[in-house]
């Protein structure tokens, strides 16, 4: 005989699709550049768990935007909801390592970033 809790769990549908929104940006270290932003990181981890995340965001029509789109596509993350903006550039954060810590500059180019 199965317990009532097991029967209940069988009836709850599994949601394998997740919709995220937020800023995508490039972290620019002196030695490397990384695709980043909270929704990018969450989507990457959800994809690693076998879920199917989609992102709502906007990137610039520039090299950083191309780099982000390629990184997302490489992880198998749905990019259908990401807009390409020809007026504003993709967000960029320059990170400076100092001793045991770091500082960072957020670059807002052409008045504001795409998101």
Protein backbone atom coordinates (compact mmCIF):
# COMPACT_ATOMS: atom_id res chain seq x y z
CA UNK A 1 0.00 0.00 0.00
CA UNK A 2 1.32 3.45 -0.87
CA UNK A 3 1.12 6.36 1.52
CA UNK A 4 -1.21 9.30 0.73
CA UNK A 5 1.79 11.63 0.40
CA UNK A 6 3.28 9.54 -2.40
CA UNK A 7 -0.02 9.60 -4.31
CA UNK A 8 -0.18 13.38 -3.93
CA UNK A 9 3.37 13.80 -5.24
CA UNK A 10 2.50 11.74 -8.33
CA UNK A 11 -0.37 14.12 -9.14
CA UNK A 12 1.67 17.33 -8.88
CA UNK A 13 2.86 18.28 -12.38
CA UNK A 14 6.58 18.85 -12.82
CA UNK A 15 7.47 22.20 -14.25
CA UNK A 16 10.68 21.92 -16.24
CA UNK A 17 10.34 25.36 -17.85
CA UNK A 18 11.49 28.44 -15.95
CA UNK A 19 11.19 32.05 -17.09
CA UNK A 20 13.78 34.53 -15.78
CA UNK A 21 14.32 38.21 -16.39
CA UNK A 22 17.06 40.67 -15.56
CA UNK A 23 20.30 42.20 -16.72
CA UNK A 24 22.87 40.31 -18.75
CA UNK A 25 26.37 41.76 -18.74
CA UNK A 26 30.03 41.05 -19.26
CA UNK A 27 32.43 40.87 -16.30
CA UNK A 28 35.72 42.23 -17.59
CA UNK A 29 38.67 41.05 -15.50
CA UNK A 30 42.19 42.05 -16.51
CA UNK A 31 42.93 38.47 -17.54
CA UNK A 32 39.54 37.29 -18.89
CA UNK A 33 35.98 38.26 -19.80
CA UNK A 34 32.97 36.32 -18.52
CA UNK A 35 29.30 36.30 -19.44
CA UNK A 36 27.46 37.21 -16.24
CA UNK A 37 24.44 38.72 -14.58
CA UNK A 38 22.21 37.07 -11.99
CA UNK A 39 19.71 35.65 -14.51
CA UNK A 40 22.54 34.22 -16.62
CA UNK A 41 23.97 32.40 -13.60
CA UNK A 42 20.59 31.10 -12.43
CA UNK A 43 19.70 29.93 -15.95
CA UNK A 44 23.03 28.14 -16.34
CA UNK A 45 22.55 26.26 -13.08
CA UNK A 46 18.92 25.39 -13.85
CA UNK A 47 20.02 24.04 -17.23
CA UNK A 48 22.67 21.92 -15.49
CA UNK A 49 19.83 20.40 -13.42
CA UNK A 50 18.01 19.45 -16.62
CA UNK A 51 15.46 22.27 -16.59
CA UNK A 52 14.69 24.53 -19.55
CA UNK A 53 15.17 28.19 -18.61
CA UNK A 54 14.22 31.09 -20.86
CA UNK A 55 15.49 34.64 -20.35
CA UNK A 56 13.77 37.96 -20.88
CA UNK A 57 16.43 40.61 -21.30
CA UNK A 58 18.08 42.95 -23.77
CA UNK A 59 21.65 43.20 -25.01
CA UNK A 60 23.33 45.71 -27.27
CA UNK A 61 24.00 45.10 -30.94
CA UNK A 62 27.72 44.84 -30.18
CA UNK A 63 30.54 42.39 -29.50
CA UNK A 64 29.55 41.98 -25.81
CA UNK A 65 25.96 41.21 -26.81
CA UNK A 66 27.18 38.65 -29.36
CA UNK A 67 29.39 37.07 -26.69
CA UNK A 68 26.48 36.79 -24.25
CA UNK A 69 24.15 35.30 -26.86
CA UNK A 70 26.78 32.74 -27.86
CA UNK A 71 27.39 31.79 -24.21
CA UNK A 72 23.66 31.34 -23.54
CA UNK A 73 23.21 29.30 -26.70
CA UNK A 74 26.24 27.20 -25.77
CA UNK A 75 24.56 26.24 -22.50
CA UNK A 76 21.30 25.42 -24.30
CA UNK A 77 19.41 28.34 -22.76
CA UNK A 78 16.42 29.70 -24.70
CA UNK A 79 17.31 33.11 -26.16
CA UNK A 80 14.06 33.74 -28.05
CA UNK A 81 12.96 36.42 -25.54
CA UNK A 82 16.20 38.42 -25.62
CA UNK A 83 16.01 41.69 -27.55
CA UNK A 84 18.93 43.12 -29.52
CA UNK A 85 19.15 46.89 -29.02
CA UNK A 86 20.87 49.00 -31.68
CA UNK A 87 20.68 52.19 -29.56
CA UNK A 88 22.39 51.11 -26.35
CA UNK A 89 25.41 48.94 -25.64
CA UNK A 90 25.53 45.82 -23.50
CA UNK A 91 26.33 46.32 -19.81
CA UNK A 92 29.95 45.86 -18.82
CA UNK A 93 31.54 45.63 -15.37
CA UNK A 94 35.31 46.14 -15.11
CA UNK A 95 36.73 44.31 -12.10
CA UNK A 96 40.02 45.31 -10.47
CA UNK A 97 41.70 42.80 -8.17
CA UNK A 98 43.47 44.39 -5.19
CA UNK A 99 45.23 42.26 -2.61
CA UNK A 100 42.62 39.98 -1.03
CA UNK A 101 39.65 41.86 -2.49
CA UNK A 102 38.36 43.65 -5.52
CA UNK A 103 36.65 46.80 -6.71
CA UNK A 104 34.50 47.22 -9.76
CA UNK A 105 33.29 49.87 -12.18
CA UNK A 106 29.93 49.55 -13.91
CA UNK A 107 30.13 51.12 -17.35
CA UNK A 108 27.03 52.81 -18.63
CA UNK A 109 27.76 53.68 -22.23
CA UNK A 110 25.70 56.03 -24.42
CA UNK A 111 23.57 57.22 -21.50
CA UNK A 112 22.40 53.81 -20.28
CA UNK A 113 22.84 50.08 -20.83
CA UNK A 114 20.41 48.05 -22.88
CA UNK A 115 18.48 46.57 -19.99
